Every structure is written in structure tokens, then in C-alpha cells.
Amino acid sequence: MARSLGRLGVLVLLVGACGGAGGAEVATAPATAPEPPALATVRLIDREALKAVVKTTSGKPRFVNFWATWCGPCVAEIPEFLAFAKEHPEVEVIMVNLDFPTLTQSHVVPFVERHDLRGVSVVQVDDPDPAAAVSWAVPEWTSAIPYTIVLAADGSPVARHGVAIDRAKLERGLELAIEPR
């Protein structure tokens, strides 16, 4: 019996030294999930830059959403925008915050962190009267938030929503944005 265990031990050593029964090594890399997009940073923009956000072309469809941290319907629609942005990286989603610029560090930045805003751009209107700045840059704005403008890749507006937007409206906006003109 001791002799047969000895031979078995030698066989195990030989098979192990050859890299297993098949002689080929199998390299396995640990499965890793792709890195999530970076957390959005809040960038302050003036009236001219705001006008450029809604009037210039980027070569991609663009959704521009006007919101505030204190606006319940605005906050409620944010998960829809985040999921949409994650599923459609070919689309620019720009979240334009209308809180007073004095509240950037105390309200807006913590809000972005708490709500994990990723895959979107967050800008804040750097104007003592953010609503007046938006009215100047977007004359057709009704002064209500949330408010979303959908732009085609050529920069032309294809849809506007003066209420909280849902997934169906986001998808329809994308269809309109990519339709041939």
C-alpha cells in the first residue's frame, strides 16, 4: 500500500509539473467591472457660455435640462437622466443648475455627490439672477423648471419640455434628434 501511494504521489508531481493533465496553462484574469464615469464636477458659467450651451452645435444630440436643488420635480427626474445618459453615451446630457451661485459649495456640490451624478455635465449659472440669465439666453423659456431642451446634432432644437421628463419623453427626444432633416 505504501508503495502504491508513493507511485501516486510521483504521478501527481509529474502531472502538476507539466501544468496539469492537458499540459497547457490557462491564464484567468479576475473579472472586473468597467470603471463608472467620473462624478460630475460643477462648473460655473456666465450668460454667454449658457447661450453657447443651448445655441451651438456639438456634433451629437444634446439634452439640456434646467433644474434646482430645491425643486421637487427636478430632483425626481434626475434618475431618469442618469439612466438615459448611461445607456446613451452618444448623447450629451447637460444639467444646468439655477441655484444662486453663492450656494455652489454649500448646496449644489453636496447635491451632486449625494445623488451620484455621473455621465452628465453639470453647470451652474454664475449670475446674481440665474432666472434672468436663462431668460436672456433662452428667450422661449417659460420661467418654469424643470425645463428641458432637446437639440439635434446640428444644434437645432427638436423638442422642449416644461414639465418633469420621463423615460418615454427622453427616448422620443432622441428619436427626434437623430431623424434626418
C-alpha atoms as a PDB file:
ATOM      1  CA  MET A   1       0.000   0.000   0.000  1.00  0.00           C
ATOM      2  CA  ALA A   2       2.805   2.411   0.879  1.00  0.00           C
ATOM      3  CA  ARG A   3       4.402   1.609  -2.433  1.00  0.00           C
ATOM      4  CA  SER A   4       1.224   2.433  -4.437  1.00  0.00           C
ATOM      5  CA  LEU A   5       0.811   5.761  -2.608  1.00  0.00           C
ATOM      6  CA  GLY A   6       4.387   6.552  -3.479  1.00  0.00           C
ATOM      7  CA  ARG A   7       3.749   5.968  -7.162  1.00  0.00           C
ATOM      8  CA  LEU A   8       0.552   8.005  -6.966  1.00  0.00           C
ATOM      9  CA  GLY A   9       2.477  10.842  -5.347  1.00  0.00           C
ATOM     10  CA  VAL A  10       5.072  10.759  -8.155  1.00  0.00           C
ATOM     11  CA  LEU A  11       2.298  10.778 -10.753  1.00  0.00           C
ATOM     12  CA  VAL A  12       0.671  13.806  -9.098  1.00  0.00           C
ATOM     13  CA  LEU A  13       4.011  15.605  -9.047  1.00  0.00           C
ATOM     14  CA  LEU A  14       4.639  14.875 -12.727  1.00  0.00           C
ATOM     15  CA  VAL A  15       1.176  15.971 -13.815  1.00  0.00           C
ATOM     16  CA  GLY A  16       1.466  19.133 -11.721  1.00  0.00           C
ATOM     17  CA  ALA A  17       4.923  19.915 -13.120  1.00  0.00           C
ATOM     18  CA  CYS A  18       3.597  19.650 -16.654  1.00  0.00           C
ATOM     19  CA  GLY A  19       0.914  22.222 -16.000  1.00  0.00           C
ATOM     20  CA  GLY A  20      -1.980  19.854 -15.467  1.00  0.00           C
ATOM     21  CA  ALA A  21      -3.319  16.858 -17.287  1.00  0.00           C
ATOM     22  CA  GLY A  22      -3.541  18.697 -20.639  1.00  0.00           C
ATOM     23  CA  GLY A  23      -0.088  20.276 -20.405  1.00  0.00           C
ATOM     24  CA  ALA A  24      -1.441  23.745 -21.222  1.00  0.00           C
ATOM     25  CA  GLU A  25      -1.690  26.582 -18.768  1.00  0.00           C
ATOM     26  CA  VAL A  26      -4.905  28.504 -18.577  1.00  0.00           C
ATOM     27  CA  ALA A  27      -4.470  32.080 -17.520  1.00  0.00           C
ATOM     28  CA  THR A  28      -7.526  33.584 -15.953  1.00  0.00           C
ATOM     29  CA  ALA A  29      -7.808  37.247 -15.272  1.00  0.00           C
ATOM     30  CA  PRO A  30     -10.033  38.341 -12.468  1.00  0.00           C
ATOM     31  CA  ALA A  31     -13.354  39.640 -13.750  1.00  0.00           C
ATOM     32  CA  THR A  32     -13.602  43.369 -13.230  1.00  0.00           C
ATOM     33  CA  ALA A  33     -16.478  45.683 -13.922  1.00  0.00           C
ATOM     34  CA  PRO A  34     -15.806  48.650 -16.188  1.00  0.00           C
ATOM     35  CA  GLU A  35     -14.983  51.865 -14.387  1.00  0.00           C
ATOM     36  CA  PRO A  36     -18.048  54.050 -13.861  1.00  0.00           C
ATOM     37  CA  PRO A  37     -17.956  57.530 -15.347  1.00  0.00           C
ATOM     38  CA  ALA A  38     -16.403  60.136 -13.098  1.00  0.00           C
ATOM     39  CA  LEU A  39     -18.584  62.059 -10.698  1.00  0.00           C
ATOM     40  CA  ALA A  40     -19.695  65.283 -12.353  1.00  0.00           C
ATOM     41  CA  THR A  41     -17.994  68.470 -11.249  1.00  0.00           C
ATOM     42  CA  VAL A  42     -19.940  71.699 -11.039  1.00  0.00           C
ATOM     43  CA  ARG A  43     -18.660  74.286 -13.495  1.00  0.00           C
ATOM     44  CA  LEU A  44     -19.815  77.891 -13.174  1.00  0.00           C
ATOM     45  CA  ILE A  45     -20.777  79.540 -16.466  1.00  0.00           C
ATOM     46  CA  ASP A  46     -21.808  83.082 -17.355  1.00  0.00           C
ATOM     47  CA  ARG A  47     -24.660  84.201 -19.620  1.00  0.00           C
ATOM     48  CA  GLU A  48     -22.603  83.975 -22.807  1.00  0.00           C
ATOM     49  CA  ALA A  49     -21.467  80.438 -22.024  1.00  0.00           C
ATOM     50  CA  LEU A  50     -25.055  79.488 -21.183  1.00  0.00           C
ATOM     51  CA  LYS A  51     -26.191  80.798 -24.544  1.00  0.00           C
ATOM     52  CA  ALA A  52     -23.487  78.706 -26.211  1.00  0.00           C
ATOM     53  CA  VAL A  53     -24.737  75.585 -24.387  1.00  0.00           C
ATOM     54  CA  VAL A  54     -28.161  75.938 -25.999  1.00  0.00           C
ATOM     55  CA  LYS A  55     -27.215  77.509 -29.338  1.00  0.00           C
ATOM     56  CA  THR A  56     -24.036  75.846 -30.614  1.00  0.00           C
ATOM     57  CA  THR A  57     -23.548  72.507 -32.268  1.00  0.00           C
ATOM     58  CA  SER A  58     -21.516  69.734 -30.716  1.00  0.00           C
ATOM     59  CA  GLY A  59     -21.928  67.143 -33.436  1.00  0.00           C
ATOM     60  CA  LYS A  60     -24.022  64.979 -31.087  1.00  0.00           C
ATOM     61  CA  PRO A  61     -27.602  65.092 -29.857  1.00  0.00           C
ATOM     62  CA  ARG A  62     -27.791  67.171 -26.685  1.00  0.00           C
ATOM     63  CA  PHE A  63     -30.301  67.301 -23.848  1.00  0.00           C
ATOM     64  CA  VAL A  64     -30.113  70.485 -21.771  1.00  0.00           C
ATOM     65  CA  ASN A  65     -32.018  70.290 -18.506  1.00  0.00           C
ATOM     66  CA  PHE A  66     -32.639  73.305 -16.261  1.00  0.00           C
ATOM     67  CA  TRP A  67     -33.096  72.392 -12.594  1.00  0.00           C
ATOM     68  CA  ALA A  68     -32.512  73.443  -8.987  1.00  0.00           C
ATOM     69  CA  THR A  69     -31.711  71.553  -5.803  1.00  0.00           C
ATOM     70  CA  TRP A  70     -34.900  72.876  -4.140  1.00  0.00           C
ATOM     71  CA  CYS A  71     -37.224  71.824  -7.000  1.00  0.00           C
ATOM     72  CA  GLY A  72     -39.034  68.553  -6.178  1.00  0.00           C
ATOM     73  CA  PRO A  73     -39.972  67.633  -9.780  1.00  0.00           C
ATOM     74  CA  CYS A  74     -36.391  68.452 -10.874  1.00  0.00           C
ATOM     75  CA  VAL A  75     -34.931  66.118  -8.277  1.00  0.00           C
ATOM     76  CA  ALA A  76     -37.464  63.412  -9.161  1.00  0.00           C
ATOM     77  CA  GLU A  77     -36.426  63.346 -12.837  1.00  0.00           C
ATOM     78  CA  ILE A  78     -32.661  63.186 -12.233  1.00  0.00           C
ATOM     79  CA  PRO A  79     -32.533  59.351 -12.031  1.00  0.00           C
ATOM     80  CA  GLU A  80     -34.208  59.231 -15.463  1.00  0.00           C
ATOM     81  CA  PHE A  81     -31.497  61.466 -16.933  1.00  0.00           C
ATOM     82  CA  LEU A  82     -28.709  59.450 -15.285  1.00  0.00           C
ATOM     83  CA  ALA A  83     -30.046  56.117 -16.591  1.00  0.00           C
ATOM     84  CA  PHE A  84     -30.582  57.633 -20.046  1.00  0.00           C
ATOM     85  CA  ALA A  85     -27.049  59.079 -20.136  1.00  0.00           C
ATOM     86  CA  LYS A  86     -25.593  55.723 -19.084  1.00  0.00           C
ATOM     87  CA  GLU A  87     -27.454  53.885 -21.854  1.00  0.00           C
ATOM     88  CA  HIS A  88     -26.775  56.553 -24.497  1.00  0.00           C
ATOM     89  CA  PRO A  89     -23.151  57.706 -24.251  1.00  0.00           C
ATOM     90  CA  GLU A  90     -23.515  59.121 -27.769  1.00  0.00           C
ATOM     91  CA  VAL A  91     -25.763  61.843 -26.315  1.00  0.00           C
ATOM     92  CA  GLU A  92     -24.622  64.880 -24.325  1.00  0.00           C
ATOM     93  CA  VAL A  93     -26.680  65.471 -21.192  1.00  0.00           C
ATOM     94  CA  ILE A  94     -26.065  68.881 -19.645  1.00  0.00           C
ATOM     95  CA  MET A  95     -27.706  69.683 -16.326  1.00  0.00           C
ATOM     96  CA  VAL A  96     -27.947  73.480 -15.853  1.00  0.00           C
ATOM     97  CA  ASN A  97     -28.385  74.353 -12.183  1.00  0.00           C
ATOM     98  CA  LEU A  98     -30.291  77.511 -11.283  1.00  0.00           C
ATOM     99  CA  ASP A  99     -29.474  77.794  -7.571  1.00  0.00           C
ATOM    100  CA  PHE A 100     -27.833  81.087  -6.617  1.00  0.00           C
ATOM    101  CA  PRO A 101     -24.066  80.905  -7.235  1.00  0.00           C
ATOM    102  CA  THR A 102     -23.466  81.682  -3.550  1.00  0.00           C
ATOM    103  CA  LEU A 103     -24.891  78.193  -2.854  1.00  0.00           C
ATOM    104  CA  THR A 104     -22.467  76.251  -5.070  1.00  0.00           C
ATOM    105  CA  GLN A 105     -20.285  74.824  -2.295  1.00  0.00           C
ATOM    106  CA  SER A 106     -22.968  74.537   0.391  1.00  0.00           C
ATOM    107  CA  HIS A 107     -25.819  73.085  -1.702  1.00  0.00           C
ATOM    108  CA  VAL A 108     -25.005  72.201  -5.303  1.00  0.00           C
ATOM    109  CA  VAL A 109     -21.718  70.303  -4.902  1.00  0.00           C
ATOM    110  CA  PRO A 110     -23.054  68.204  -1.978  1.00  0.00           C
ATOM    111  CA  PHE A 111     -26.228  67.523  -4.006  1.00  0.00           C
ATOM    112  CA  VAL A 112     -24.171  66.263  -6.956  1.00  0.00           C
ATOM    113  CA  GLU A 113     -22.209  63.985  -4.605  1.00  0.00           C
ATOM    114  CA  ARG A 114     -25.263  62.732  -2.707  1.00  0.00           C
ATOM    115  CA  HIS A 115     -27.171  61.940  -5.901  1.00  0.00           C
ATOM    116  CA  ASP A 116     -24.078  60.462  -7.581  1.00  0.00           C
ATOM    117  CA  LEU A 117     -24.392  62.467 -10.792  1.00  0.00           C
ATOM    118  CA  ARG A 118     -22.231  60.583 -13.280  1.00  0.00           C
ATOM    119  CA  GLY A 119     -22.203  60.525 -17.067  1.00  0.00           C
ATOM    120  CA  VAL A 120     -23.666  64.031 -17.301  1.00  0.00           C
ATOM    121  CA  SER A 121     -22.197  67.532 -17.298  1.00  0.00           C
ATOM    122  CA  VAL A 122     -23.285  69.871 -14.516  1.00  0.00           C
ATOM    123  CA  VAL A 123     -23.036  73.605 -14.982  1.00  0.00           C
ATOM    124  CA  GLN A 124     -24.341  76.349 -12.740  1.00  0.00           C
ATOM    125  CA  VAL A 125     -25.375  79.784 -13.909  1.00  0.00           C
ATOM    126  CA  ASP A 126     -22.962  82.262 -12.365  1.00  0.00           C
ATOM    127  CA  ASP A 127     -25.286  85.241 -12.229  1.00  0.00           C
ATOM    128  CA  PRO A 128     -26.896  87.058  -9.288  1.00  0.00           C
ATOM    129  CA  ASP A 129     -30.237  86.367 -11.010  1.00  0.00           C
ATOM    130  CA  PRO A 130     -29.982  82.912 -12.655  1.00  0.00           C
ATOM    131  CA  ALA A 131     -33.568  83.080 -13.950  1.00  0.00           C
ATOM    132  CA  ALA A 132     -32.874  86.383 -15.731  1.00  0.00           C
ATOM    133  CA  ALA A 133     -29.744  84.862 -17.275  1.00  0.00           C
ATOM    134  CA  VAL A 134     -31.728  81.893 -18.593  1.00  0.00           C
ATOM    135  CA  SER A 135     -34.468  84.190 -19.945  1.00  0.00           C
ATOM    136  CA  TRP A 136     -31.770  86.144 -21.777  1.00  0.00           C
ATOM    137  CA  ALA A 137     -30.055  83.041 -23.202  1.00  0.00           C
ATOM    138  CA  VAL A 138     -33.262  81.087 -23.894  1.00  0.00           C
ATOM    139  CA  PRO A 139     -35.995  83.663 -24.739  1.00  0.00           C
ATOM    140  CA  GLU A 140     -38.619  80.937 -25.237  1.00  0.00           C
ATOM    141  CA  TRP A 141     -38.150  79.678 -21.651  1.00  0.00           C
ATOM    142  CA  THR A 142     -41.385  79.916 -19.664  1.00  0.00           C
ATOM    143  CA  SER A 143     -39.622  80.527 -16.314  1.00  0.00           C
ATOM    144  CA  ALA A 144     -40.746  77.093 -15.090  1.00  0.00           C
ATOM    145  CA  ILE A 145     -38.433  74.323 -14.001  1.00  0.00           C
ATOM    146  CA  PRO A 146     -37.738  71.639 -14.714  1.00  0.00           C
ATOM    147  CA  TYR A 147     -37.278  72.607 -18.334  1.00  0.00           C
ATOM    148  CA  THR A 148     -35.538  70.509 -20.976  1.00  0.00           C
ATOM    149  CA  ILE A 149     -34.423  71.380 -24.492  1.00  0.00           C
ATOM    150  CA  VAL A 150     -33.525  68.573 -26.908  1.00  0.00           C
ATOM    151  CA  LEU A 151     -31.077  69.547 -29.641  1.00  0.00           C
ATOM    152  CA  ALA A 152     -30.162  67.613 -32.772  1.00  0.00           C
ATOM    153  CA  ALA A 153     -26.503  67.072 -33.629  1.00  0.00           C
ATOM    154  CA  ASP A 154     -26.591  70.210 -35.785  1.00  0.00           C
ATOM    155  CA  GLY A 155     -27.712  72.299 -32.779  1.00  0.00           C
ATOM    156  CA  SER A 156     -31.307  72.789 -33.867  1.00  0.00           C
ATOM    157  CA  PRO A 157     -33.946  72.372 -31.145  1.00  0.00           C
ATOM    158  CA  VAL A 158     -36.283  69.437 -31.793  1.00  0.00           C
ATOM    159  CA  ALA A 159     -38.255  69.318 -28.524  1.00  0.00           C
ATOM    160  CA  ARG A 160     -38.903  71.328 -25.377  1.00  0.00           C
ATOM    161  CA  HIS A 161     -40.450  70.117 -22.146  1.00  0.00           C
ATOM    162  CA  GLY A 162     -41.684  72.477 -19.425  1.00  0.00           C
ATOM    163  CA  VAL A 163     -42.508  69.665 -17.007  1.00  0.00           C
ATOM    164  CA  ALA A 164     -40.616  66.773 -15.448  1.00  0.00           C
ATOM    165  CA  ILE A 165     -39.465  64.436 -18.160  1.00  0.00           C
ATOM    166  CA  ASP A 166     -39.813  60.666 -18.082  1.00  0.00           C
ATOM    167  CA  ARG A 167     -38.037  57.869 -19.912  1.00  0.00           C
ATOM    168  CA  ALA A 168     -40.524  57.772 -22.785  1.00  0.00           C
ATOM    169  CA  LYS A 169     -40.029  61.509 -23.453  1.00  0.00           C
ATOM    170  CA  LEU A 170     -36.249  61.096 -23.318  1.00  0.00           C
ATOM    171  CA  GLU A 171     -36.352  58.246 -25.848  1.00  0.00           C
ATOM    172  CA  ARG A 172     -38.758  60.166 -28.101  1.00  0.00           C
ATOM    173  CA  GLY A 173     -36.491  63.215 -27.873  1.00  0.00           C
ATOM    174  CA  LEU A 174     -33.570  61.098 -29.017  1.00  0.00           C
ATOM    175  CA  GLU A 175     -35.595  59.761 -31.945  1.00  0.00           C
ATOM    176  CA  LEU A 176     -36.398  63.345 -32.992  1.00  0.00           C
ATOM    177  CA  ALA A 177     -32.770  64.404 -32.530  1.00  0.00           C
ATOM    178  CA  ILE A 178     -31.415  61.715 -34.843  1.00  0.00           C
ATOM    179  CA  GLU A 179     -34.123  61.895 -37.535  1.00  0.00           C
ATOM    180  CA  PRO A 180     -32.767  63.081 -40.876  1.00  0.00           C
ATOM    181  CA  ARG A 181     -33.638  66.706 -41.556  1.00  0.00           C
END
